[in-house]
Amino acid sequence: MGRYPEIEPYDQGMLDAGDGNRLHWETSGNPHGKPAVVLHGGPGSGSGAGLRRYFDPAAYRIVLFDQRGAGRSRPSAAAPATDMGVNTAPHLMADLERLRAHLGIERWLVWGVSFGSALGLRYAQTHPGVVSELVLTGVATGSPAEVDLLTRGLGRIFPEAHERFLAELPEGERDRNLAAAYNRLLESPDPEVRARAAQAWTDWETAIIPAPPGSVERFRDPEFRYGFARTVTHYWGNDHFFGDFPGDGGEEGVVLRDAHLLKDIPGTLVQGSLDFGNLLGIVWRLHHAWPGSELVVVDDAGHDAGAVGDDALVAATDRYARSRP
């Protein structure tokens, strides 16, 4: 099956989101089709043209946008002066609502990858009336347990890389929240400290999350590397800003706690069996706590579910295309 052929946007613009933020958005496919919005990963990765290809362009009105600080949105998180205090999950969800109203959309399918899947889940839980379906891959829920696994637990599997990862931190910071400790380095007034921290953080991510070559290549750009690391550690160090207070929802987080709120929203989860997030079983438990969801496990695939995962994602959007919002 594979993904659909490449297409170009028929409209795009910059949306004033307040707080000095302007968000780049685009629409492609059928202007009168079923609306679908794509939530990119990272946080901080930005959207890519390939994400349009998960949708039948004859059936869908496909909306892509760059989240605050990412991609072509401004100001960029790569600029040290950019205020990250107005870049939180509540801000991103408010941006989604502002974009939906700007485009005149009542309800839309939400498609998310990695951090985008976590954001999509929380958005659907807090705005269930505007989400027709969810299609998620590289599934994450933003829980403290997942962050601890990715920053500390996997050190047992990648001990050499983890030793280098810890070495960048002052000794007094190595037993604390590692994402928050790195974020403090990335907010340092010293550009050399920021640069070393960004390199060490992305080296660790590359070690633990095998990714397509293009994904690794982007980390060679120091501007992207810094903005990405700064945004990821900002979210990971603060429980993704999903709860009302730090630790809300416990180690398994608020998304899994509130899975029952998704009961009226159909959804498809496409997950590689070798994605390290599966070590916690959170995706399996999310599926079983979410009536109306389906879980597609792709054997011998990691965080990127590969060609078989692409087929499953396209099959899901094709099926949901037959259900109008």
Protein backbone atom coordinates (compact mmCIF):
# COMPACT_ATOMS: atom_id res chain seq x y z
CA MET A 1 0.00 0.00 0.00
CA GLY A 2 2.52 2.62 1.15
CA ARG A 3 1.94 6.32 1.60
CA TYR A 4 0.22 8.55 -0.93
CA PRO A 5 2.30 10.52 -3.49
CA GLU A 6 3.82 13.85 -2.60
CA ILE A 7 1.56 16.89 -2.81
CA GLU A 8 1.96 20.62 -2.25
CA PRO A 9 -0.12 22.91 -0.01
CA TYR A 10 -2.89 24.93 -1.61
CA ASP A 11 -2.88 27.49 1.24
CA GLN A 12 -0.59 28.54 4.08
CA GLY A 13 0.03 31.40 6.44
CA MET A 14 1.24 32.66 9.81
CA LEU A 15 -1.29 32.67 12.67
CA ASP A 16 -0.96 35.18 15.49
CA ALA A 17 -1.15 32.99 18.60
CA GLY A 18 -0.52 35.71 21.14
CA ASP A 19 2.43 36.04 23.54
CA GLY A 20 4.46 37.24 20.55
CA ASN A 21 4.12 33.85 18.82
CA ARG A 22 3.25 33.39 15.14
CA LEU A 23 2.55 29.85 13.95
CA HIS A 24 3.25 28.60 10.46
CA TRP A 25 0.38 26.50 9.07
CA GLU A 26 -0.54 24.93 5.76
CA THR A 27 -3.45 23.06 4.17
CA SER A 28 -3.26 20.50 1.38
CA GLY A 29 -5.47 17.89 -0.25
CA ASN A 30 -9.18 18.52 -0.80
CA PRO A 31 -10.43 21.90 0.53
CA HIS A 32 -13.85 20.28 1.03
CA GLY A 33 -12.52 17.00 2.45
CA LYS A 34 -12.59 15.58 5.95
CA PRO A 35 -10.40 17.82 8.14
CA ALA A 36 -7.31 16.27 9.74
CA VAL A 37 -4.58 17.99 11.75
CA VAL A 38 -1.07 16.60 12.13
CA LEU A 39 0.88 16.99 15.39
CA HIS A 40 4.62 16.62 14.89
CA GLY A 41 7.01 15.09 17.37
CA GLY A 42 9.93 16.27 19.42
CA PRO A 43 8.65 18.37 21.00
CA GLY A 44 10.37 20.86 18.74
CA SER A 45 10.94 18.79 15.58
CA GLY A 46 8.65 20.79 13.31
CA SER A 47 6.42 19.46 10.53
CA GLY A 48 7.65 17.86 7.32
CA ALA A 49 6.15 17.44 3.86
CA GLY A 50 6.17 13.66 4.21
CA LEU A 51 3.47 13.84 6.88
CA ARG A 52 0.93 14.89 4.23
CA ARG A 53 1.33 11.51 2.59
CA TYR A 54 -0.52 9.57 5.31
CA PHE A 55 -3.82 10.90 3.94
CA ASP A 56 -5.77 10.40 0.73
CA PRO A 57 -5.56 13.90 -0.79
CA ALA A 58 -8.90 13.41 -2.52
CA ALA A 59 -10.63 12.65 0.79
CA TYR A 60 -8.89 14.87 3.34
CA ARG A 61 -8.29 18.53 4.06
CA ILE A 62 -4.83 18.07 5.61
CA VAL A 63 -3.64 20.65 8.14
CA LEU A 64 0.03 20.80 9.17
CA PHE A 65 1.52 23.40 11.48
CA ASP A 66 4.72 24.03 13.39
CA GLN A 67 4.22 24.12 17.15
CA ARG A 68 5.51 27.07 19.17
CA GLY A 69 9.24 27.57 18.78
CA ALA A 70 9.57 24.89 16.09
CA GLY A 71 10.08 24.84 12.33
CA ARG A 72 8.94 28.02 10.61
CA SER A 73 6.97 29.32 13.59
CA ARG A 74 8.38 32.37 15.33
CA PRO A 75 10.09 33.14 17.59
CA SER A 76 12.31 30.08 17.36
CA ALA A 77 13.31 28.13 20.46
CA ALA A 78 16.80 28.20 18.95
CA ALA A 79 17.03 31.89 19.92
CA PRO A 80 18.16 32.00 23.58
CA ALA A 81 16.03 35.11 24.19
CA THR A 82 12.80 33.27 23.28
CA ASP A 83 10.50 32.99 26.31
CA MET A 84 9.81 29.31 26.95
CA GLY A 85 7.41 30.19 29.76
CA VAL A 86 4.70 30.64 27.11
CA ASN A 87 5.49 27.30 25.45
CA THR A 88 3.52 24.69 27.42
CA ALA A 89 0.92 22.03 26.65
CA PRO A 90 -1.98 24.36 27.57
CA HIS A 91 -0.53 26.94 25.16
CA LEU A 92 -0.21 24.33 22.38
CA MET A 93 -3.78 23.14 22.90
CA ALA A 94 -5.04 26.72 22.85
CA ASP A 95 -3.10 27.17 19.60
CA LEU A 96 -4.91 24.15 18.15
CA GLU A 97 -8.24 25.70 19.04
CA ARG A 98 -7.20 29.05 17.58
CA LEU A 99 -6.07 27.38 14.35
CA ARG A 100 -9.24 25.30 14.13
CA ALA A 101 -11.38 28.44 14.47
CA HIS A 102 -9.19 30.33 11.98
CA LEU A 103 -9.73 27.60 9.37
CA GLY A 104 -13.46 27.31 10.09
CA ILE A 105 -13.27 23.65 11.13
CA GLU A 106 -15.81 22.17 13.56
CA ARG A 107 -14.21 18.77 14.17
CA TRP A 108 -11.06 17.14 12.89
CA LEU A 109 -9.17 13.88 12.96
CA VAL A 110 -6.00 14.26 15.03
CA TRP A 111 -2.88 12.45 13.75
CA GLY A 112 0.19 12.48 16.02
CA VAL A 113 3.67 11.01 16.16
CA SER A 114 5.81 10.59 19.30
CA PHE A 115 5.33 13.77 21.39
CA GLY A 116 2.55 14.65 18.95
CA SER A 117 0.72 11.49 20.02
CA ALA A 118 0.93 12.51 23.67
CA LEU A 119 -0.26 16.02 22.85
CA GLY A 120 -3.07 14.60 20.70
CA LEU A 121 -4.23 12.32 23.52
CA ARG A 122 -4.33 15.15 26.05
CA TYR A 123 -6.03 17.47 23.56
CA ALA A 124 -8.72 14.84 22.92
CA GLN A 125 -9.22 14.31 26.65
CA THR A 126 -9.69 18.02 27.30
CA HIS A 127 -11.50 18.89 24.02
CA PRO A 128 -13.41 15.69 23.15
CA GLY A 129 -16.14 17.46 21.21
CA VAL A 130 -13.81 18.63 18.44
CA VAL A 131 -11.85 15.39 17.84
CA SER A 132 -13.51 12.93 15.45
CA GLU A 133 -10.77 10.24 15.58
CA LEU A 134 -7.17 9.76 16.69
CA VAL A 135 -4.41 8.09 14.66
CA LEU A 136 -1.17 7.85 16.64
CA THR A 137 2.25 6.29 16.10
CA GLY A 138 5.48 6.06 18.10
CA VAL A 139 3.01 6.42 20.93
CA ALA A 140 3.98 8.29 24.08
CA THR A 141 1.84 9.60 26.92
CA GLY A 142 4.27 12.07 28.51
CA SER A 143 4.36 10.27 31.85
CA PRO A 144 7.15 10.69 34.42
CA ALA A 145 7.81 6.95 34.11
CA GLU A 146 8.51 7.29 30.37
CA VAL A 147 10.84 10.25 30.90
CA ASP A 148 12.71 8.40 33.65
CA LEU A 149 13.08 5.36 31.39
CA LEU A 150 14.40 7.41 28.47
CA THR A 151 16.82 9.50 30.53
CA ARG A 152 17.93 7.04 33.22
CA GLY A 153 16.52 3.52 32.86
CA LEU A 154 17.99 2.90 29.42
CA GLY A 155 21.42 3.58 30.89
CA ARG A 156 21.52 -0.12 31.77
CA ILE A 157 21.13 -1.00 28.09
CA PHE A 158 23.45 1.72 26.75
CA PRO A 159 25.95 2.14 29.61
CA GLU A 160 28.76 3.76 27.61
CA ALA A 161 26.48 6.33 25.98
CA HIS A 162 24.77 7.01 29.31
CA GLU A 163 28.07 7.61 31.04
CA ARG A 164 28.86 10.29 28.46
CA PHE A 165 25.35 11.70 28.91
CA LEU A 166 25.79 12.03 32.68
CA ALA A 167 29.32 13.39 32.38
CA GLU A 168 28.03 16.71 31.03
CA LEU A 169 26.11 17.34 34.26
CA PRO A 170 27.57 18.60 37.56
CA GLU A 171 27.79 15.70 40.03
CA GLY A 172 25.07 17.16 42.23
CA GLU A 173 22.61 17.07 39.33
CA ARG A 174 23.09 13.43 38.31
CA ASP A 175 20.66 11.95 40.86
CA ARG A 176 17.87 14.41 40.09
CA ASN A 177 15.45 14.95 37.20
CA LEU A 178 17.94 14.62 34.35
CA ALA A 179 15.81 16.42 31.76
CA ALA A 180 15.37 19.39 34.10
CA ALA A 181 19.10 19.37 34.90
CA TYR A 182 19.92 19.50 31.19
CA ASN A 183 17.39 22.24 30.67
CA ARG A 184 19.19 24.37 33.24
CA LEU A 185 22.39 23.97 31.20
CA LEU A 186 20.52 24.84 28.01
CA GLU A 187 19.24 28.04 29.63
CA SER A 188 22.75 29.05 30.71
CA PRO A 189 23.93 32.55 29.74
CA ASP A 190 27.17 30.93 28.53
CA PRO A 191 26.85 29.92 24.83
CA GLU A 192 29.55 27.28 25.19
CA VAL A 193 27.64 25.58 28.04
CA ARG A 194 24.47 25.64 25.93
CA ALA A 195 26.22 24.21 22.89
CA ARG A 196 27.86 21.36 24.83
CA ALA A 197 24.57 20.48 26.51
CA ALA A 198 22.67 20.43 23.22
CA GLN A 199 25.29 18.17 21.66
CA ALA A 200 25.30 15.78 24.64
CA TRP A 201 21.50 15.62 24.75
CA THR A 202 21.08 14.85 21.05
CA ASP A 203 23.96 12.33 21.18
CA TRP A 204 22.00 10.46 23.86
CA GLU A 205 18.75 10.61 21.88
CA THR A 206 20.55 9.27 18.82
CA ALA A 207 22.00 6.41 20.88
CA ILE A 208 18.66 5.24 22.30
CA ILE A 209 16.18 5.93 19.48
CA PRO A 210 17.31 4.52 16.13
CA ALA A 211 15.94 6.89 13.50
CA PRO A 212 15.94 7.31 9.73
CA PRO A 213 19.13 8.96 8.39
CA GLY A 214 17.39 12.27 7.71
CA SER A 215 16.34 12.50 11.35
CA VAL A 216 19.93 12.07 12.57
CA GLU A 217 21.24 14.47 9.93
CA ARG A 218 19.22 17.36 11.37
CA PHE A 219 21.20 17.18 14.62
CA ARG A 220 24.30 18.30 12.71
CA ASP A 221 22.74 21.76 12.43
CA PRO A 222 23.73 23.56 15.67
CA GLU A 223 20.72 25.88 15.51
CA PHE A 224 18.23 23.03 15.16
CA ARG A 225 20.14 20.95 17.73
CA TYR A 226 19.90 23.67 20.36
CA GLY A 227 16.24 24.55 19.75
CA PHE A 228 15.25 20.89 19.78
CA ALA A 229 17.16 20.00 22.96
CA ARG A 230 15.91 23.12 24.70
CA THR A 231 12.28 22.33 23.87
CA VAL A 232 12.46 18.63 24.73
CA THR A 233 14.09 19.20 28.10
CA HIS A 234 11.65 22.03 28.86
CA TYR A 235 8.72 19.63 28.43
CA TRP A 236 10.29 16.47 29.80
CA GLY A 237 11.58 18.32 32.85
CA ASN A 238 8.09 19.59 33.69
CA ASP A 239 5.86 16.50 33.28
CA HIS A 240 4.96 17.80 29.80
CA PHE A 241 2.75 20.41 31.50
CA PHE A 242 -0.14 17.94 31.21
CA GLY A 243 -1.37 18.08 34.80
CA ASP A 244 -2.55 20.82 37.11
CA PHE A 245 0.61 20.47 39.20
CA PRO A 246 3.95 18.57 39.04
CA GLY A 247 3.44 14.86 39.64
CA ASP A 248 -0.30 15.02 38.93
CA GLY A 249 -1.32 11.52 37.88
CA GLY A 250 1.65 9.83 39.56
CA GLU A 251 4.40 8.00 37.73
CA GLU A 252 2.05 6.81 34.99
CA GLY A 253 0.82 10.34 34.30
CA VAL A 254 -2.49 12.03 33.63
CA VAL A 255 -3.04 10.69 30.09
CA LEU A 256 -3.25 7.07 31.24
CA ARG A 257 -5.21 8.11 34.33
CA ASP A 258 -7.78 9.88 32.15
CA ALA A 259 -7.92 7.28 29.35
CA HIS A 260 -11.63 6.72 30.08
CA LEU A 261 -12.32 10.24 28.74
CA LEU A 262 -11.53 8.92 25.24
CA LYS A 263 -14.40 6.43 25.29
CA ASP A 264 -16.43 8.16 22.57
CA ILE A 265 -13.48 8.77 20.22
CA PRO A 266 -12.35 5.98 17.85
CA GLY A 267 -8.60 5.62 17.64
CA THR A 268 -5.74 3.62 16.13
CA LEU A 269 -2.36 3.14 17.82
CA VAL A 270 0.49 1.93 15.59
CA GLN A 271 3.49 0.83 17.63
CA GLY A 272 6.80 -0.86 16.86
CA SER A 273 7.36 -3.88 19.07
CA LEU A 274 10.97 -2.78 19.69
CA ASP A 275 10.11 0.80 20.64
CA PHE A 276 11.71 1.19 24.07
CA GLY A 277 8.59 2.89 25.39
CA ASN A 278 6.96 -0.55 25.22
CA LEU A 279 9.18 -1.71 28.08
CA LEU A 280 6.71 -0.03 30.45
CA GLY A 281 3.59 -1.49 28.84
CA ILE A 282 1.91 1.92 28.89
CA VAL A 283 0.67 1.74 25.29
CA TRP A 284 -0.88 -1.69 25.93
CA ARG A 285 -2.59 -0.40 29.09
CA LEU A 286 -3.76 2.74 27.27
CA HIS A 287 -5.37 0.60 24.58
CA HIS A 288 -7.17 -1.59 27.13
CA ALA A 289 -8.37 1.45 29.09
CA TRP A 290 -9.68 3.17 25.94
CA PRO A 291 -12.88 1.62 24.59
CA GLY A 292 -13.05 1.88 20.82
CA SER A 293 -9.29 1.92 20.25
CA GLU A 294 -7.27 -0.55 18.21
CA LEU A 295 -3.61 -1.39 18.76
CA VAL A 296 -1.47 -2.43 15.79
CA VAL A 297 1.91 -3.81 16.89
CA VAL A 298 4.55 -3.92 14.17
CA ASP A 299 7.06 -6.71 14.77
CA ASP A 300 10.79 -5.93 14.69
CA ALA A 301 10.21 -2.17 14.41
CA GLY A 302 11.27 0.60 16.78
CA HIS A 303 10.03 4.13 17.45
CA ASP A 304 9.69 4.52 13.67
CA ALA A 305 7.35 1.66 12.71
CA GLY A 306 8.74 1.60 9.15
CA ALA A 307 6.98 0.54 5.95
CA VAL A 308 4.61 -1.88 7.70
CA GLY A 309 3.67 0.86 10.12
CA ASP A 310 3.09 3.26 7.23
CA ASP A 311 0.68 0.75 5.72
CA ALA A 312 -1.24 0.50 9.00
CA LEU A 313 -1.42 4.28 9.37
CA VAL A 314 -2.70 4.77 5.82
CA ALA A 315 -5.23 1.97 6.30
CA ALA A 316 -6.49 3.77 9.40
CA THR A 317 -6.88 7.16 7.72
CA ASP A 318 -8.51 5.52 4.70
CA ARG A 319 -11.03 3.82 6.96
CA TYR A 320 -11.78 6.97 8.95
CA ALA A 321 -12.18 8.95 5.72
CA ARG A 322 -15.49 7.17 5.26
CA SER A 323 -16.77 8.70 8.52
CA ARG A 324 -17.54 12.37 8.17
CA PRO A 325 -16.78 14.66 11.15
